[in-house]
Amino acid sequence: MTTSTILQSVSTDQLTELLTNVFKTQLEDFKKEFTTQTENETLMTREQVLELLQINASTLWHWQNKGRITVYKFANKCYYKRSELMATITPLNK
């Protein structure tokens, strides 16, 4: 069956429903990917990082000075990108 034969045998309502389902599926996939990216790019405060990594302030300070963690400053307040923090976590090889 050729494409033109298939299109001739499909009603307008069926084609509309098919296209709607395809676009709906693609939109849902895009939303999931976008939400994941947005969550990973969240800026975190110093206190949030300390709680997330379960470390004390001096450890965070040392990591910043050694360049292990990048800090962003805005209006005299420090922020950290969640995605960068998660990227610095490496698995332990046994």
N, C-alpha and C. Protein backbone atom coordinates (compact mmCIF):
# COMPACT_ATOMS: atom_id res chain seq x y z
N MET A 1 0.84 -1.18 0.00
CA MET A 1 0.00 0.00 0.00
C MET A 1 0.89 1.24 0.00
N THR A 2 0.61 2.18 -0.85
CA THR A 2 1.38 3.41 -0.93
C THR A 2 0.84 4.43 0.07
N THR A 3 1.61 5.45 0.29
CA THR A 3 1.21 6.50 1.23
C THR A 3 -0.07 7.18 0.77
N SER A 4 -0.20 7.44 -0.49
CA SER A 4 -1.41 8.11 -0.98
C SER A 4 -2.63 7.22 -0.81
N THR A 5 -2.48 5.90 -0.99
CA THR A 5 -3.59 4.98 -0.80
C THR A 5 -4.02 4.95 0.66
N ILE A 6 -3.05 4.95 1.56
CA ILE A 6 -3.35 4.95 2.99
C ILE A 6 -4.07 6.23 3.36
N LEU A 7 -3.59 7.37 2.89
CA LEU A 7 -4.21 8.65 3.21
C LEU A 7 -5.62 8.74 2.66
N GLN A 8 -5.87 8.14 1.52
CA GLN A 8 -7.21 8.17 0.94
C GLN A 8 -8.18 7.32 1.76
N SER A 9 -7.67 6.25 2.40
CA SER A 9 -8.54 5.36 3.16
C SER A 9 -8.77 5.85 4.58
N VAL A 10 -8.05 6.87 5.02
CA VAL A 10 -8.19 7.40 6.38
C VAL A 10 -9.15 8.59 6.34
N SER A 11 -10.10 8.57 7.27
CA SER A 11 -11.05 9.68 7.33
C SER A 11 -10.40 10.90 7.97
N THR A 12 -11.02 12.03 7.82
CA THR A 12 -10.52 13.27 8.40
C THR A 12 -10.46 13.17 9.92
N ASP A 13 -11.47 12.58 10.52
CA ASP A 13 -11.50 12.42 11.97
C ASP A 13 -10.37 11.50 12.45
N GLN A 14 -10.13 10.43 11.71
CA GLN A 14 -9.07 9.50 12.08
C GLN A 14 -7.70 10.17 11.97
N LEU A 15 -7.52 10.94 10.92
CA LEU A 15 -6.26 11.64 10.72
C LEU A 15 -6.05 12.68 11.82
N THR A 16 -7.10 13.40 12.16
CA THR A 16 -7.02 14.40 13.22
C THR A 16 -6.66 13.73 14.55
N GLU A 17 -7.29 12.62 14.84
CA GLU A 17 -7.02 11.90 16.09
C GLU A 17 -5.57 11.37 16.11
N LEU A 18 -5.12 10.85 14.99
CA LEU A 18 -3.76 10.34 14.89
C LEU A 18 -2.74 11.45 15.12
N LEU A 19 -2.94 12.58 14.44
CA LEU A 19 -2.02 13.70 14.60
C LEU A 19 -2.05 14.25 16.02
N THR A 20 -3.22 14.31 16.61
CA THR A 20 -3.36 14.79 17.98
C THR A 20 -2.58 13.89 18.94
N ASN A 21 -2.70 12.59 18.76
CA ASN A 21 -1.99 11.65 19.63
C ASN A 21 -0.47 11.76 19.47
N VAL A 22 -0.03 11.92 18.23
CA VAL A 22 1.41 12.06 17.98
C VAL A 22 1.95 13.32 18.64
N PHE A 23 1.27 14.45 18.44
CA PHE A 23 1.72 15.70 19.03
C PHE A 23 1.64 15.67 20.55
N LYS A 24 0.61 15.05 21.08
CA LYS A 24 0.44 14.95 22.52
C LYS A 24 1.59 14.15 23.13
N THR A 25 1.95 13.04 22.51
CA THR A 25 3.04 12.21 23.00
C THR A 25 4.36 12.97 22.95
N GLN A 26 4.62 13.64 21.84
CA GLN A 26 5.86 14.40 21.72
C GLN A 26 5.92 15.55 22.72
N LEU A 27 4.79 16.20 22.95
CA LEU A 27 4.74 17.29 23.92
C LEU A 27 5.01 16.78 25.33
N GLU A 28 4.44 15.65 25.69
CA GLU A 28 4.68 15.08 27.01
C GLU A 28 6.15 14.70 27.19
N ASP A 29 6.76 14.12 26.17
CA ASP A 29 8.18 13.79 26.23
C ASP A 29 9.03 15.05 26.40
N PHE A 30 8.69 16.10 25.67
CA PHE A 30 9.41 17.37 25.78
C PHE A 30 9.27 17.96 27.18
N LYS A 31 8.06 17.90 27.75
CA LYS A 31 7.84 18.43 29.09
C LYS A 31 8.67 17.69 30.12
N LYS A 32 8.74 16.37 30.01
CA LYS A 32 9.53 15.57 30.95
C LYS A 32 11.00 15.95 30.86
N GLU A 33 11.52 16.07 29.65
CA GLU A 33 12.92 16.43 29.46
C GLU A 33 13.20 17.84 29.95
N PHE A 34 12.31 18.77 29.66
CA PHE A 34 12.48 20.16 30.08
C PHE A 34 12.45 20.27 31.60
N THR A 35 11.52 19.56 32.24
CA THR A 35 11.41 19.58 33.69
C THR A 35 12.67 19.04 34.33
N THR A 36 13.20 17.96 33.79
CA THR A 36 14.44 17.38 34.32
C THR A 36 15.59 18.36 34.19
N GLN A 37 15.72 19.01 33.04
CA GLN A 37 16.79 19.98 32.84
C GLN A 37 16.63 21.17 33.78
N THR A 38 15.41 21.62 33.96
CA THR A 38 15.15 22.77 34.83
C THR A 38 15.51 22.43 36.27
N GLU A 39 15.14 21.24 36.72
CA GLU A 39 15.45 20.83 38.08
C GLU A 39 16.96 20.75 38.28
N ASN A 40 17.69 20.27 37.29
CA ASN A 40 19.13 20.15 37.41
C ASN A 40 19.83 21.50 37.38
N GLU A 41 19.24 22.51 36.79
CA GLU A 41 19.86 23.83 36.71
C GLU A 41 19.41 24.75 37.84
N THR A 42 18.80 24.20 38.84
CA THR A 42 18.34 24.99 39.97
C THR A 42 19.54 25.56 40.73
N LEU A 43 19.44 26.83 41.08
CA LEU A 43 20.46 27.45 41.91
C LEU A 43 20.14 27.16 43.37
N MET A 44 21.15 26.77 44.10
CA MET A 44 20.97 26.43 45.51
C MET A 44 21.76 27.40 46.37
N THR A 45 21.23 27.69 47.55
CA THR A 45 21.95 28.54 48.50
C THR A 45 22.98 27.70 49.23
N ARG A 46 23.83 28.37 49.94
CA ARG A 46 24.87 27.71 50.72
C ARG A 46 24.27 26.71 51.71
N GLU A 47 23.23 27.13 52.39
CA GLU A 47 22.58 26.28 53.39
C GLU A 47 21.98 25.03 52.75
N GLN A 48 21.39 25.19 51.57
CA GLN A 48 20.81 24.05 50.87
C GLN A 48 21.89 23.05 50.46
N VAL A 49 23.05 23.56 50.03
CA VAL A 49 24.15 22.69 49.63
C VAL A 49 24.68 21.92 50.84
N LEU A 50 24.84 22.62 51.95
CA LEU A 50 25.33 21.97 53.16
C LEU A 50 24.39 20.83 53.57
N GLU A 51 23.10 21.07 53.46
CA GLU A 51 22.12 20.05 53.81
C GLU A 51 22.12 18.90 52.80
N LEU A 52 22.18 19.24 51.51
CA LEU A 52 22.16 18.22 50.46
C LEU A 52 23.36 17.29 50.56
N LEU A 53 24.55 17.87 50.71
CA LEU A 53 25.77 17.07 50.74
C LEU A 53 26.11 16.57 52.14
N GLN A 54 25.40 17.05 53.12
CA GLN A 54 25.62 16.69 54.52
C GLN A 54 27.08 16.90 54.92
N ILE A 55 27.51 18.14 54.68
CA ILE A 55 28.86 18.55 55.04
C ILE A 55 28.78 19.81 55.87
N ASN A 56 29.91 20.20 56.48
CA ASN A 56 29.90 21.45 57.24
C ASN A 56 30.45 22.59 56.38
N ALA A 57 30.32 23.79 56.87
CA ALA A 57 30.68 24.99 56.11
C ALA A 57 32.16 25.03 55.76
N SER A 58 33.02 24.54 56.66
CA SER A 58 34.45 24.59 56.38
C SER A 58 34.82 23.64 55.23
N THR A 59 34.16 22.51 55.13
CA THR A 59 34.40 21.58 54.03
C THR A 59 34.00 22.23 52.71
N LEU A 60 32.85 22.87 52.68
CA LEU A 60 32.40 23.56 51.48
C LEU A 60 33.38 24.65 51.09
N TRP A 61 33.87 25.39 52.06
CA TRP A 61 34.84 26.45 51.80
C TRP A 61 36.12 25.89 51.19
N HIS A 62 36.61 24.78 51.75
CA HIS A 62 37.82 24.14 51.22
C HIS A 62 37.60 23.65 49.79
N TRP A 63 36.48 23.05 49.53
CA TRP A 63 36.17 22.56 48.17
C TRP A 63 36.12 23.71 47.17
N GLN A 64 35.56 24.84 47.59
CA GLN A 64 35.52 26.02 46.72
C GLN A 64 36.93 26.51 46.42
N ASN A 65 37.77 26.60 47.44
CA ASN A 65 39.13 27.10 47.26
C ASN A 65 39.98 26.16 46.41
N LYS A 66 39.72 24.86 46.47
CA LYS A 66 40.46 23.88 45.66
C LYS A 66 39.89 23.78 44.25
N GLY A 67 38.76 24.42 43.99
CA GLY A 67 38.15 24.40 42.67
C GLY A 67 37.29 23.17 42.40
N ARG A 68 36.99 22.41 43.42
CA ARG A 68 36.14 21.22 43.25
C ARG A 68 34.69 21.62 43.01
N ILE A 69 34.29 22.74 43.58
CA ILE A 69 32.91 23.23 43.44
C ILE A 69 32.96 24.68 42.98
N THR A 70 32.15 25.02 41.99
CA THR A 70 32.09 26.39 41.49
C THR A 70 31.00 27.15 42.25
N VAL A 71 31.35 28.34 42.68
CA VAL A 71 30.39 29.19 43.39
C VAL A 71 30.06 30.40 42.52
N TYR A 72 28.80 30.80 42.53
CA TYR A 72 28.34 31.97 41.80
C TYR A 72 27.84 32.98 42.81
N LYS A 73 28.28 34.23 42.66
CA LYS A 73 27.87 35.26 43.62
C LYS A 73 26.97 36.27 42.94
N PHE A 74 25.94 36.63 43.68
CA PHE A 74 25.00 37.66 43.22
C PHE A 74 24.51 38.40 44.45
N ALA A 75 24.69 39.70 44.47
CA ALA A 75 24.26 40.55 45.58
C ALA A 75 24.81 40.04 46.92
N ASN A 76 26.11 39.76 46.93
CA ASN A 76 26.81 39.29 48.13
C ASN A 76 26.25 37.98 48.70
N LYS A 77 25.64 37.17 47.86
CA LYS A 77 25.14 35.88 48.30
C LYS A 77 25.69 34.81 47.37
N CYS A 78 26.06 33.67 47.93
CA CYS A 78 26.65 32.58 47.15
C CYS A 78 25.56 31.61 46.69
N TYR A 79 25.70 31.18 45.44
CA TYR A 79 24.78 30.19 44.87
C TYR A 79 25.59 29.11 44.18
N TYR A 80 24.99 27.94 44.09
CA TYR A 80 25.63 26.79 43.46
C TYR A 80 24.63 26.14 42.53
N LYS A 81 25.11 25.67 41.37
CA LYS A 81 24.22 24.97 40.44
C LYS A 81 24.11 23.51 40.87
N ARG A 82 22.89 23.05 41.00
CA ARG A 82 22.66 21.67 41.41
C ARG A 82 23.30 20.68 40.43
N SER A 83 23.20 20.96 39.14
CA SER A 83 23.77 20.05 38.14
C SER A 83 25.28 19.91 38.30
N GLU A 84 25.96 21.01 38.63
CA GLU A 84 27.41 20.97 38.82
C GLU A 84 27.77 20.21 40.08
N LEU A 85 26.97 20.39 41.12
CA LEU A 85 27.22 19.65 42.36
C LEU A 85 27.08 18.15 42.13
N MET A 86 26.03 17.77 41.40
CA MET A 86 25.79 16.36 41.15
C MET A 86 26.87 15.78 40.24
N ALA A 87 27.43 16.59 39.35
CA ALA A 87 28.48 16.13 38.45
C ALA A 87 29.78 15.89 39.19
N THR A 88 30.00 16.55 40.33
CA THR A 88 31.24 16.36 41.07
C THR A 88 31.21 15.08 41.91
N ILE A 89 30.04 14.51 42.08
CA ILE A 89 29.92 13.27 42.85
C ILE A 89 30.36 12.12 41.95
N THR A 90 31.36 11.39 42.38
CA THR A 90 31.87 10.28 41.58
C THR A 90 31.65 8.96 42.32
N PRO A 91 31.37 7.90 41.58
CA PRO A 91 31.16 6.61 42.23
C PRO A 91 32.47 6.06 42.79
N LEU A 92 32.36 5.34 43.87
CA LEU A 92 33.52 4.72 44.49
C LEU A 92 33.79 3.39 43.84
N ASN A 93 34.98 3.24 43.27
CA ASN A 93 35.35 1.96 42.61
C ASN A 93 35.93 1.03 43.66
N LYS A 94 35.37 -0.17 43.72
CA LYS A 94 35.88 -1.15 44.69
C LYS A 94 36.69 -2.19 43.98
